[in-house]
Amino acid sequence: MTFKIDLKLLEKIKKVDWKYLVNRRETPLFISLTSSVEGPKIFEKYTKIPCLLTSVLRSDNGELVLYSGKELDTLRDFFIQEGIPRLKDYKERLIKYFSELEVVGKELSSKDYSKATKEKLLQDAKRYFEAAIIAHDFLAPVPIADGVLSTLILNLLPSESPQQKQEWLGILTFPTKENEHVFEEKSLLKLVQSYQKKCPKFDQLVQEHLHKFGWIGARWGWWENAWTKEDILNRIKEFINSHKDPIIELEKLNSLREKQAKYREELIKQLKIDKKSQLYQLMLLAQEYAYIRTWRTDVAYKAIYNTKSLMYEIASRAGMKKEDITYFSYIEVQEMAQRGKTVISSEEMRERKISTNGVLIDDQYLVLSGKEWEDKLREVIPNILKSETEVKGNIAFPGKVTGKVRLVFKAEDISKVQRGDILVAIMTFPHFIPAMEKAAAFVTDEGGILCHAAIVSREMKKPCIIATKNATKTLKDGDMVEVDAEKGTVRVVK
């Protein structure tokens, strides 16, 4: 841990060919598990992929996630060369180890730690950390595999316009399985019906909903953002104000995948895709990746949420504010559980709350805290997402609407989105659903056709443009824009 500038470390960081991968506003605790020293050492053992990801940088208060460009390119080339067998094997291994993490999280969530021994606290913390480090090793390669799958499919589709091929890709790869956010949407629509009927068990039903889905608001490991009864009531009232019928909307959700399957079969016939062909096999695999891309993060974030009582007990016995434990690395949490007292100074904690960045380099993981480190890292990192005058991307769902831009970067921004607004984000996530319900369209910097925004736009039938690279840099809150998801462009009109 360091909040003083180490010039030698800074020089090492400068020498890495950093390449942007994704943007995540995760807690320092979660980040330390994803960028752990142990990760690269066990990566090949569990993934069976020989391409190591040994350099990771989390800058801009940990939000920008960068890896060595050379290492990412090597991983991409590996997936391309190895093809379907390797992509299948990777997917099966990912499911196995995230399922094991899911089991650990569930078991820990049901325990009362108020009378647990120090040894028990340490044992259970280590058990979660070990399962999480193994599973988290599978996180970074998924966007790479997603991109490889999309490219391979596009290359095999008939020669048409890029927009037409993207539309076909979306139909062919739409997931057959439903992610957690779909189950939550269905549950919410049933709550709307109960509210309208003045059901005497309504409060109980809300609590049951929160017990199952409240953690979605706490994605990225920020436990204080878990959904509350007030959040659910506000969404119910918003839905009622939209003058939609919850029964009809529920029927639409229930029949969506059946309809998508029909569209897919019609397109397969139209394009004369042989069900024994490589294209068909890639299509089926992409459908599974579209599902597991969100499923894996659901599991990871729910698992860390389920450790809340364990982590709070460790913090409480160390004589510190419980909520501050999310600013520790997992190594520090283990040490704190063992010693029964905090292991960082109050000055260091203040710096971490201002800005917490992290770097995995030369077999070391270091927490770089404070504004000075954040500013230095901004100087080091190339301006990958530079602002341009044109916003153009890939079409995830067609349509054309005009509305006010609302930039959504974190949970606190979700409440800014009003009905008819254009939700603009780096990427969308399941806890953005309350805002997506109100928005008229979605525009993202990142994402492939298998990403969350692409899937949800097709579920909600709202125009969506993904992979613009610069939407959040170019557009401003309040801009009146025309989203043309027929051409893949966003134009400021006022």
Protein backbone atom coordinates (compact mmCIF):
# COMPACT_ATOMS: atom_id res chain seq x y z
CA MET A 1 0.00 0.00 0.00
CA THR A 2 1.30 3.44 -0.85
CA PHE A 3 -0.03 6.97 -1.21
CA LYS A 4 3.39 8.54 -1.69
CA ILE A 5 4.68 8.67 -5.26
CA ASP A 6 7.30 5.97 -5.86
CA LEU A 7 9.27 7.13 -8.92
CA LYS A 8 10.76 3.68 -9.61
CA LEU A 9 7.31 2.11 -9.56
CA LEU A 10 5.98 4.90 -11.77
CA GLU A 11 8.72 4.20 -14.33
CA LYS A 12 7.84 0.50 -14.35
CA ILE A 13 4.18 1.36 -14.95
CA LYS A 14 5.13 3.70 -17.83
CA LYS A 15 6.98 0.90 -19.64
CA VAL A 16 3.94 -1.39 -19.94
CA ASP A 17 1.95 -1.17 -23.20
CA TRP A 18 -1.36 -0.58 -21.43
CA LYS A 19 -4.53 -1.36 -23.35
CA TYR A 20 -8.05 -0.51 -22.22
CA LEU A 21 -10.31 -3.51 -21.56
CA VAL A 22 -13.39 -2.41 -19.59
CA ASN A 23 -14.62 0.13 -17.05
CA ARG A 24 -15.78 -0.98 -13.60
CA ARG A 25 -16.28 1.03 -10.41
CA GLU A 26 -15.54 -1.88 -8.08
CA THR A 27 -14.53 -1.74 -4.44
CA PRO A 28 -10.81 -1.97 -3.61
CA LEU A 29 -11.56 -5.31 -1.90
CA PHE A 30 -13.10 -6.78 -5.05
CA ILE A 31 -10.33 -5.30 -7.25
CA SER A 32 -7.63 -6.93 -5.12
CA LEU A 33 -9.18 -10.36 -5.79
CA THR A 34 -9.35 -9.73 -9.54
CA SER A 35 -5.76 -8.41 -9.72
CA SER A 36 -4.18 -10.70 -7.13
CA VAL A 37 -0.58 -11.89 -7.29
CA GLU A 38 -1.87 -15.48 -7.07
CA GLY A 39 -4.05 -15.03 -10.17
CA PRO A 40 -1.36 -15.32 -12.87
CA LYS A 41 0.33 -18.17 -10.96
CA ILE A 42 -2.77 -20.37 -11.10
CA PHE A 43 -4.27 -19.04 -14.34
CA GLU A 44 -3.10 -21.84 -16.64
CA LYS A 45 -3.84 -24.55 -14.06
CA TYR A 46 -7.56 -23.72 -13.99
CA THR A 47 -8.20 -22.16 -17.41
CA LYS A 48 -5.81 -24.42 -19.36
CA ILE A 49 -4.80 -21.33 -21.33
CA PRO A 50 -1.02 -20.70 -21.53
CA CYS A 51 -1.38 -16.94 -22.15
CA LEU A 52 -0.69 -15.15 -18.87
CA LEU A 53 -2.15 -11.77 -17.90
CA THR A 54 0.57 -10.57 -15.55
CA SER A 55 0.08 -6.79 -15.69
CA VAL A 56 -3.13 -5.07 -14.58
CA LEU A 57 -3.73 -1.39 -13.85
CA ARG A 58 -6.82 0.09 -12.21
CA SER A 59 -6.77 3.87 -12.58
CA ASP A 60 -9.24 6.77 -12.31
CA ASN A 61 -10.23 5.69 -8.80
CA GLY A 62 -9.99 2.09 -9.98
CA GLU A 63 -12.60 2.49 -12.72
CA LEU A 64 -10.45 2.12 -15.84
CA VAL A 65 -9.27 -1.48 -16.22
CA LEU A 66 -6.13 -1.88 -18.33
CA TYR A 67 -3.99 -4.88 -19.23
CA SER A 68 -0.80 -5.28 -21.21
CA GLY A 69 -1.80 -4.88 -24.87
CA LYS A 70 0.72 -7.52 -25.91
CA GLU A 71 -0.75 -10.04 -23.45
CA LEU A 72 -4.34 -9.31 -24.55
CA ASP A 73 -3.37 -9.69 -28.21
CA THR A 74 -1.68 -13.02 -27.44
CA LEU A 75 -4.84 -14.22 -25.70
CA ARG A 76 -7.02 -13.10 -28.63
CA ASP A 77 -4.75 -14.86 -31.14
CA PHE A 78 -4.85 -18.00 -29.00
CA PHE A 79 -8.68 -18.11 -29.04
CA ILE A 80 -8.73 -17.52 -32.81
CA GLN A 81 -6.18 -20.25 -33.54
CA GLU A 82 -7.67 -22.80 -31.16
CA GLY A 83 -11.23 -22.06 -32.25
CA ILE A 84 -14.42 -23.79 -31.12
CA PRO A 85 -12.89 -26.61 -28.99
CA ARG A 86 -10.91 -24.15 -26.85
CA LEU A 87 -13.81 -21.69 -26.53
CA LYS A 88 -16.07 -24.55 -25.41
CA ASP A 89 -13.52 -25.85 -22.91
CA TYR A 90 -12.98 -22.37 -21.48
CA LYS A 91 -16.73 -21.86 -21.10
CA GLU A 92 -17.17 -25.19 -19.25
CA ARG A 93 -14.29 -24.43 -16.90
CA LEU A 94 -15.66 -20.96 -16.21
CA ILE A 95 -19.06 -22.42 -15.30
CA LYS A 96 -17.43 -25.00 -13.01
CA TYR A 97 -15.40 -22.53 -10.95
CA PHE A 98 -18.03 -19.81 -10.78
CA SER A 99 -20.54 -22.43 -9.64
CA GLU A 100 -18.12 -23.38 -6.86
CA LEU A 101 -17.81 -19.70 -5.88
CA GLU A 102 -21.61 -19.44 -5.86
CA VAL A 103 -21.86 -22.36 -3.41
CA VAL A 104 -19.29 -20.79 -1.08
CA GLY A 105 -21.13 -17.45 -1.13
CA LYS A 106 -24.46 -19.07 -0.31
CA GLU A 107 -23.00 -21.04 2.59
CA LEU A 108 -21.32 -17.98 4.12
CA SER A 109 -24.45 -15.84 3.80
CA SER A 110 -26.43 -18.16 6.09
CA LYS A 111 -23.96 -18.03 9.00
CA ASP A 112 -24.14 -15.97 12.20
CA TYR A 113 -20.62 -14.72 12.96
CA SER A 114 -21.39 -12.77 16.13
CA LYS A 115 -20.03 -15.57 18.34
CA ALA A 116 -17.55 -17.12 15.91
CA THR A 117 -13.96 -17.61 17.00
CA LYS A 118 -11.13 -15.62 15.46
CA GLU A 119 -9.95 -18.80 13.80
CA LYS A 120 -13.37 -19.38 12.23
CA LEU A 121 -13.50 -15.84 10.84
CA LEU A 122 -10.08 -16.28 9.25
CA GLN A 123 -10.90 -19.75 7.92
CA ASP A 124 -14.12 -18.62 6.22
CA ALA A 125 -12.52 -15.45 4.85
CA LYS A 126 -9.71 -17.51 3.31
CA ARG A 127 -12.21 -20.00 1.90
CA TYR A 128 -14.08 -17.23 0.08
CA PHE A 129 -10.89 -15.50 -1.10
CA GLU A 130 -9.45 -18.72 -2.53
CA ALA A 131 -12.65 -19.54 -4.45
CA ALA A 132 -12.96 -15.93 -5.67
CA ILE A 133 -9.36 -15.70 -6.93
CA ILE A 134 -9.80 -18.86 -9.01
CA ALA A 135 -13.14 -17.70 -10.46
CA HIS A 136 -11.97 -14.12 -11.05
CA ASP A 137 -9.15 -15.47 -13.22
CA PHE A 138 -11.88 -16.21 -15.79
CA LEU A 139 -13.28 -12.64 -15.84
CA ALA A 140 -10.89 -10.77 -18.15
CA PRO A 141 -10.73 -13.28 -21.04
CA VAL A 142 -14.52 -13.27 -21.58
CA PRO A 143 -14.71 -9.92 -23.46
CA ILE A 144 -11.83 -11.21 -25.62
CA ALA A 145 -13.66 -14.49 -26.34
CA ASP A 146 -16.86 -12.52 -27.02
CA GLY A 147 -15.05 -10.40 -29.62
CA VAL A 148 -13.46 -13.47 -31.23
CA LEU A 149 -16.82 -15.24 -31.51
CA SER A 150 -18.51 -12.20 -33.04
CA THR A 151 -15.69 -11.74 -35.55
CA LEU A 152 -15.69 -15.39 -36.57
CA ILE A 153 -19.47 -15.36 -37.10
CA LEU A 154 -19.43 -12.08 -39.04
CA ASN A 155 -16.70 -13.44 -41.32
CA LEU A 156 -18.85 -16.48 -42.17
CA LEU A 157 -22.10 -14.59 -42.79
CA PRO A 158 -23.05 -13.71 -46.40
CA SER A 159 -21.54 -10.52 -47.78
CA GLU A 160 -23.95 -7.70 -46.88
CA SER A 161 -23.74 -4.23 -45.34
CA PRO A 162 -22.10 -4.04 -41.87
CA GLN A 163 -25.44 -2.93 -40.37
CA GLN A 164 -27.27 -5.92 -41.88
CA LYS A 165 -24.65 -8.35 -40.63
CA GLN A 166 -24.78 -6.83 -37.13
CA GLU A 167 -28.57 -7.24 -37.12
CA TRP A 168 -28.24 -10.88 -38.18
CA LEU A 169 -25.57 -11.42 -35.52
CA GLY A 170 -27.93 -10.11 -32.83
CA ILE A 171 -30.72 -12.47 -33.89
CA LEU A 172 -28.47 -15.53 -34.21
CA THR A 173 -26.72 -15.06 -30.86
CA PHE A 174 -29.59 -13.95 -28.59
CA PRO A 175 -29.33 -16.10 -25.42
CA THR A 176 -31.91 -18.81 -24.79
CA LYS A 177 -31.39 -18.62 -21.01
CA GLU A 178 -32.61 -15.78 -18.79
CA ASN A 179 -30.23 -13.90 -16.51
CA GLU A 180 -31.05 -12.73 -13.01
CA HIS A 181 -32.19 -9.27 -14.15
CA VAL A 182 -34.99 -10.89 -16.22
CA PHE A 183 -36.24 -12.84 -13.20
CA GLU A 184 -36.12 -9.59 -11.21
CA GLU A 185 -38.13 -7.77 -13.89
CA LYS A 186 -40.78 -10.49 -13.84
CA SER A 187 -40.95 -10.38 -10.05
CA LEU A 188 -41.31 -6.59 -10.11
CA LEU A 189 -44.21 -6.78 -12.59
CA LYS A 190 -45.97 -9.18 -10.23
CA LEU A 191 -45.38 -6.70 -7.40
CA VAL A 192 -46.99 -3.98 -9.51
CA GLN A 193 -50.08 -6.15 -9.84
CA SER A 194 -50.14 -6.80 -6.07
CA TYR A 195 -49.77 -3.08 -5.38
CA GLN A 196 -52.65 -2.20 -7.71
CA LYS A 197 -54.87 -4.85 -6.14
CA LYS A 198 -53.91 -3.62 -2.63
CA CYS A 199 -52.82 -7.11 -1.68
CA PRO A 200 -52.66 -7.45 2.16
CA LYS A 201 -49.35 -9.36 1.83
CA PHE A 202 -47.75 -6.66 -0.33
CA ASP A 203 -45.10 -5.64 2.24
CA GLN A 204 -44.13 -9.28 2.73
CA LEU A 205 -43.85 -9.76 -1.04
CA VAL A 206 -41.57 -6.70 -1.30
CA GLN A 207 -39.32 -8.12 1.42
CA GLU A 208 -39.18 -11.46 -0.41
CA HIS A 209 -38.26 -9.61 -3.60
CA LEU A 210 -35.48 -7.73 -1.80
CA HIS A 211 -34.19 -10.93 -0.22
CA LYS A 212 -33.79 -12.48 -3.68
CA PHE A 213 -32.75 -9.46 -5.73
CA GLY A 214 -31.71 -6.61 -3.43
CA TRP A 215 -28.04 -7.46 -3.94
CA ILE A 216 -28.27 -6.37 -7.62
CA GLY A 217 -28.09 -2.75 -6.47
CA ALA A 218 -24.84 -3.60 -4.68
CA ARG A 219 -22.99 -4.81 -7.76
CA TRP A 220 -19.27 -4.01 -7.85
CA GLY A 221 -19.09 -4.76 -4.11
CA TRP A 222 -20.60 -1.53 -2.74
CA TRP A 223 -22.89 -3.10 -0.13
CA GLU A 224 -24.49 0.19 0.91
CA ASN A 225 -26.12 0.43 -2.55
CA ALA A 226 -28.27 -2.68 -2.08
CA TRP A 227 -31.85 -1.96 -3.11
CA THR A 228 -34.29 -0.92 -0.39
CA LYS A 229 -38.07 -0.99 -0.07
CA GLU A 230 -38.11 2.68 -1.13
CA ASP A 231 -36.22 1.82 -4.34
CA ILE A 232 -38.77 -0.86 -5.23
CA LEU A 233 -41.75 1.38 -4.43
CA ASN A 234 -40.31 4.14 -6.63
CA ARG A 235 -39.94 1.71 -9.53
CA ILE A 236 -43.51 0.48 -9.05
CA LYS A 237 -44.82 4.06 -9.10
CA GLU A 238 -42.71 4.86 -12.18
CA PHE A 239 -44.18 1.86 -13.95
CA ILE A 240 -47.74 2.87 -13.06
CA ASN A 241 -47.04 6.40 -14.33
CA SER A 242 -45.96 4.93 -17.68
CA HIS A 243 -49.58 3.71 -18.16
CA LYS A 244 -48.44 0.24 -19.18
CA ASP A 245 -50.28 -2.92 -18.21
CA PRO A 246 -48.12 -5.16 -15.98
CA ILE A 247 -49.94 -8.29 -17.19
CA ILE A 248 -49.22 -7.49 -20.84
CA GLU A 249 -45.58 -6.59 -20.08
CA LEU A 250 -45.14 -9.84 -18.17
CA GLU A 251 -46.60 -11.80 -21.08
CA LYS A 252 -44.14 -10.05 -23.40
CA LEU A 253 -41.20 -11.04 -21.20
CA ASN A 254 -42.42 -14.62 -20.88
CA SER A 255 -42.85 -15.01 -24.64
CA LEU A 256 -39.75 -13.07 -25.68
CA ARG A 257 -37.34 -15.95 -26.04
CA GLU A 258 -39.86 -18.09 -27.84
CA LYS A 259 -40.35 -15.29 -30.39
CA GLN A 260 -36.60 -14.77 -30.69
CA ALA A 261 -36.19 -18.51 -31.35
CA LYS A 262 -38.71 -18.24 -34.22
CA TYR A 263 -36.87 -15.23 -35.70
CA ARG A 264 -33.61 -17.19 -35.41
CA GLU A 265 -35.03 -20.26 -37.18
CA GLU A 266 -36.48 -18.10 -39.96
CA LEU A 267 -33.10 -16.40 -40.44
CA ILE A 268 -31.27 -19.74 -40.46
CA LYS A 269 -33.55 -20.87 -43.30
CA GLN A 270 -33.21 -17.54 -45.11
CA LEU A 271 -29.40 -17.66 -44.96
CA LYS A 272 -29.37 -21.43 -45.63
CA ILE A 273 -27.19 -22.12 -42.60
CA ASP A 274 -26.37 -25.83 -42.36
CA LYS A 275 -26.88 -27.07 -38.79
CA LYS A 276 -23.71 -29.14 -39.13
CA SER A 277 -21.66 -26.15 -40.26
CA GLN A 278 -19.00 -24.23 -38.34
CA LEU A 279 -21.20 -21.13 -38.50
CA TYR A 280 -24.04 -22.92 -36.73
CA GLN A 281 -21.71 -24.28 -34.02
CA LEU A 282 -20.27 -20.79 -33.44
CA MET A 283 -23.80 -19.40 -33.26
CA LEU A 284 -24.81 -21.87 -30.52
CA LEU A 285 -21.62 -21.15 -28.59
CA ALA A 286 -22.17 -17.40 -28.85
CA GLN A 287 -25.68 -17.80 -27.39
CA GLU A 288 -24.13 -19.46 -24.34
CA TYR A 289 -21.44 -16.79 -24.04
CA ALA A 290 -24.12 -14.08 -24.23
CA TYR A 291 -25.70 -15.67 -21.15
CA ILE A 292 -22.54 -16.40 -19.14
CA ARG A 293 -21.09 -12.94 -19.79
CA THR A 294 -23.67 -11.51 -17.35
CA TRP A 295 -24.07 -14.69 -15.28
CA ARG A 296 -20.41 -14.76 -14.25
CA THR A 297 -20.48 -11.20 -12.90
CA ASP A 298 -23.83 -11.85 -11.19
CA VAL A 299 -22.20 -14.74 -9.34
CA ALA A 300 -19.04 -12.78 -8.48
CA TYR A 301 -20.88 -9.73 -7.12
CA LYS A 302 -23.52 -11.76 -5.29
CA ALA A 303 -20.80 -13.89 -3.70
CA ILE A 304 -18.97 -10.88 -2.27
CA TYR A 305 -22.31 -9.42 -1.14
CA ASN A 306 -23.00 -12.68 0.70
CA THR A 307 -19.79 -12.24 2.72
CA LYS A 308 -21.05 -8.95 4.19
CA SER A 309 -21.84 -10.32 7.67
CA LEU A 310 -18.45 -12.08 7.79
CA MET A 311 -16.53 -8.99 6.67
CA TYR A 312 -18.49 -6.68 8.98
CA GLU A 313 -17.68 -8.93 11.95
CA ILE A 314 -13.98 -8.84 11.09
CA ALA A 315 -14.13 -5.04 10.85
CA SER A 316 -16.12 -4.71 14.08
CA ARG A 317 -13.60 -6.78 16.05
CA ALA A 318 -10.79 -4.68 14.61
CA GLY A 319 -12.47 -1.58 16.08
CA MET A 320 -13.17 0.13 12.77
CA LYS A 321 -16.22 1.31 10.85
CA LYS A 322 -17.78 -1.76 9.26
CA GLU A 323 -18.35 -0.15 5.87
CA ASP A 324 -14.65 0.81 5.61
CA ILE A 325 -13.62 -2.80 5.10
CA THR A 326 -14.40 -2.52 1.38
CA TYR A 327 -11.34 -0.23 1.09
CA PHE A 328 -8.97 -3.01 2.23
CA SER A 329 -7.28 -5.57 0.01
CA TYR A 330 -8.09 -9.21 0.73
CA ILE A 331 -4.54 -9.72 2.10
CA GLU A 332 -5.14 -6.90 4.58
CA VAL A 333 -8.53 -8.37 5.56
CA GLN A 334 -6.88 -11.72 6.32
CA GLU A 335 -4.22 -10.01 8.39
CA MET A 336 -6.85 -7.98 10.22
CA ALA A 337 -8.89 -11.12 10.99
CA GLN A 338 -5.77 -12.76 12.39
CA ARG A 339 -4.58 -9.81 14.47
CA GLY A 340 -7.95 -8.43 15.56
CA LYS A 341 -6.99 -4.84 14.74
CA THR A 342 -6.75 -2.58 11.71
CA VAL A 343 -3.61 -2.87 9.59
CA ILE A 344 -3.63 0.51 7.84
CA SER A 345 -3.33 4.01 9.27
CA SER A 346 -6.16 6.52 9.47
CA GLU A 347 -4.19 8.71 7.03
CA GLU A 348 -4.03 5.85 4.50
CA MET A 349 -7.78 5.25 4.87
CA ARG A 350 -8.48 8.93 4.18
CA GLU A 351 -6.37 8.74 1.01
CA ARG A 352 -8.15 5.57 -0.15
CA LYS A 353 -11.53 7.24 0.22
CA ILE A 354 -10.30 10.10 -1.97
CA SER A 355 -9.02 7.74 -4.67
CA THR A 356 -8.01 4.08 -4.68
CA ASN A 357 -6.08 2.71 -7.64
CA GLY A 358 -4.25 -0.58 -7.97
CA VAL A 359 -1.52 -2.19 -10.02
CA LEU A 360 -0.35 -5.75 -10.52
CA ILE A 361 3.20 -5.61 -11.83
CA ASP A 362 6.39 -7.66 -11.38
CA ASP A 363 4.58 -10.20 -9.17
CA GLN A 364 3.38 -7.49 -6.79
CA TYR A 365 -0.08 -6.06 -6.19
CA LEU A 366 0.02 -2.52 -4.80
CA VAL A 367 -2.77 -0.23 -3.67
CA LEU A 368 -1.98 3.27 -4.96
CA SER A 369 -4.15 5.62 -2.96
CA GLY A 370 -4.80 9.33 -3.04
CA LYS A 371 -5.34 12.08 -5.60
CA GLU A 372 -1.64 12.46 -6.41
CA TRP A 373 -1.37 8.86 -7.63
CA GLU A 374 -4.59 9.22 -9.63
CA ASP A 375 -3.23 12.32 -11.38
CA LYS A 376 0.12 10.64 -12.14
CA LEU A 377 -1.60 7.57 -13.59
CA ARG A 378 -3.72 9.77 -15.86
CA GLU A 379 -0.49 11.17 -17.29
CA VAL A 380 0.83 7.65 -17.92
CA ILE A 381 -2.24 6.20 -19.59
CA PRO A 382 -2.77 6.98 -23.28
CA ASN A 383 -6.01 8.83 -24.07
CA ILE A 384 -7.75 5.73 -25.39
CA LEU A 385 -11.27 7.08 -25.19
CA LYS A 386 -10.53 10.46 -26.77
CA SER A 387 -13.44 12.75 -27.54
CA GLU A 388 -14.48 13.22 -31.16
CA THR A 389 -17.30 15.15 -32.78
CA GLU A 390 -19.00 12.07 -34.24
CA VAL A 391 -20.63 9.35 -32.18
CA LYS A 392 -21.06 6.19 -34.18
CA GLY A 393 -21.27 2.54 -33.20
CA ASN A 394 -22.85 -0.84 -33.79
CA ILE A 395 -26.61 -1.35 -33.80
CA ALA A 396 -27.83 -3.68 -31.06
CA PHE A 397 -31.53 -2.96 -31.61
CA PRO A 398 -32.98 -0.73 -34.35
CA GLY A 399 -35.10 2.36 -33.95
CA LYS A 400 -34.93 6.15 -33.98
CA VAL A 401 -35.71 8.43 -31.02
CA THR A 402 -34.87 11.90 -29.71
CA GLY A 403 -34.27 12.70 -26.07
CA LYS A 404 -32.02 14.27 -23.44
CA VAL A 405 -28.69 12.66 -22.63
CA ARG A 406 -28.21 11.30 -19.13
CA LEU A 407 -24.70 10.04 -18.40
CA VAL A 408 -24.72 7.08 -16.02
CA PHE A 409 -21.38 6.04 -14.57
CA LYS A 410 -22.27 4.80 -11.10
CA ALA A 411 -25.21 3.82 -8.92
CA GLU A 412 -25.79 7.40 -7.77
CA ASP A 413 -26.39 8.49 -11.39
CA ILE A 414 -29.29 6.09 -11.96
CA SER A 415 -31.83 8.45 -10.34
CA LYS A 416 -30.97 11.17 -12.91
CA VAL A 417 -32.65 9.24 -15.73
CA GLN A 418 -36.24 10.32 -16.39
CA ARG A 419 -38.81 8.83 -18.73
CA GLY A 420 -37.83 9.44 -22.35
CA ASP A 421 -34.16 10.24 -21.64
CA ILE A 422 -31.26 8.69 -23.54
CA LEU A 423 -29.15 6.59 -21.19
CA VAL A 424 -25.48 6.99 -22.12
CA ALA A 425 -22.94 4.83 -20.31
CA ILE A 426 -19.58 3.16 -20.75
CA MET A 427 -21.45 -0.11 -20.36
CA THR A 428 -24.76 -1.06 -18.76
CA PHE A 429 -25.16 -3.52 -15.90
CA PRO A 430 -28.10 -5.27 -14.18
CA HIS A 431 -28.30 -2.62 -11.45
CA PHE A 432 -28.93 -0.02 -14.18
CA ILE A 433 -32.30 -1.70 -14.93
CA PRO A 434 -34.38 0.94 -13.04
CA ALA A 435 -32.91 3.62 -15.33
CA MET A 436 -33.18 1.45 -18.44
CA GLU A 437 -36.89 0.95 -17.76
CA LYS A 438 -37.40 4.73 -18.06
CA ALA A 439 -34.94 5.48 -20.87
CA ALA A 440 -36.04 5.72 -24.50
CA ALA A 441 -32.73 4.40 -25.83
CA PHE A 442 -29.28 3.24 -24.74
CA VAL A 443 -25.87 4.30 -26.05
CA THR A 444 -22.63 2.75 -24.76
CA ASP A 445 -18.89 3.21 -25.27
CA GLU A 446 -18.18 -0.50 -25.01
CA GLY A 447 -19.70 -3.86 -25.69
CA GLY A 448 -20.17 -6.50 -28.29
CA ILE A 449 -23.41 -7.96 -29.54
CA LEU A 450 -23.34 -10.32 -26.53
CA CYS A 451 -23.11 -7.53 -23.92
CA HIS A 452 -25.75 -6.56 -21.33
CA ALA A 453 -26.99 -3.45 -23.17
CA ALA A 454 -27.45 -5.40 -26.40
CA ILE A 455 -29.41 -8.18 -24.71
CA VAL A 456 -31.62 -5.86 -22.62
CA SER A 457 -32.37 -3.56 -25.57
CA ARG A 458 -33.79 -6.56 -27.42
CA GLU A 459 -35.73 -7.63 -24.35
CA MET A 460 -37.18 -4.13 -23.87
CA LYS A 461 -37.35 -3.39 -27.62
CA LYS A 462 -35.57 -0.06 -27.24
CA PRO A 463 -33.09 1.45 -29.73
CA CYS A 464 -29.52 0.75 -28.73
CA ILE A 465 -26.10 1.64 -30.14
CA ILE A 466 -23.04 -0.03 -28.64
CA ALA A 467 -19.25 0.17 -29.03
CA THR A 468 -19.18 3.89 -29.89
CA LYS A 469 -15.87 4.24 -27.96
CA ASN A 470 -16.52 7.93 -27.25
CA ALA A 471 -20.18 8.56 -26.35
CA THR A 472 -19.52 9.37 -22.69
CA LYS A 473 -16.62 11.66 -23.66
CA THR A 474 -18.43 13.51 -26.45
CA LEU A 475 -22.01 13.85 -25.15
CA LYS A 476 -22.96 15.92 -22.11
CA ASP A 477 -25.77 15.68 -19.59
CA GLY A 478 -28.78 17.54 -20.96
CA ASP A 479 -27.74 17.42 -24.64
CA MET A 480 -30.76 16.87 -26.87
CA VAL A 481 -29.76 14.11 -29.26
CA GLU A 482 -31.20 11.99 -32.02
CA VAL A 483 -30.33 8.32 -31.64
CA ASP A 484 -30.54 6.74 -35.08
CA ALA A 485 -30.20 3.03 -34.46
CA GLU A 486 -30.92 2.39 -38.12
CA LYS A 487 -27.62 3.98 -39.14
CA GLY A 488 -25.74 3.55 -35.83
CA THR A 489 -25.28 7.28 -35.19
CA VAL A 490 -25.99 9.76 -32.39
CA ARG A 491 -26.39 13.42 -33.35
CA VAL A 492 -26.74 16.47 -31.08
CA VAL A 493 -29.81 18.39 -32.28
CA LYS A 494 -29.96 21.11 -29.64
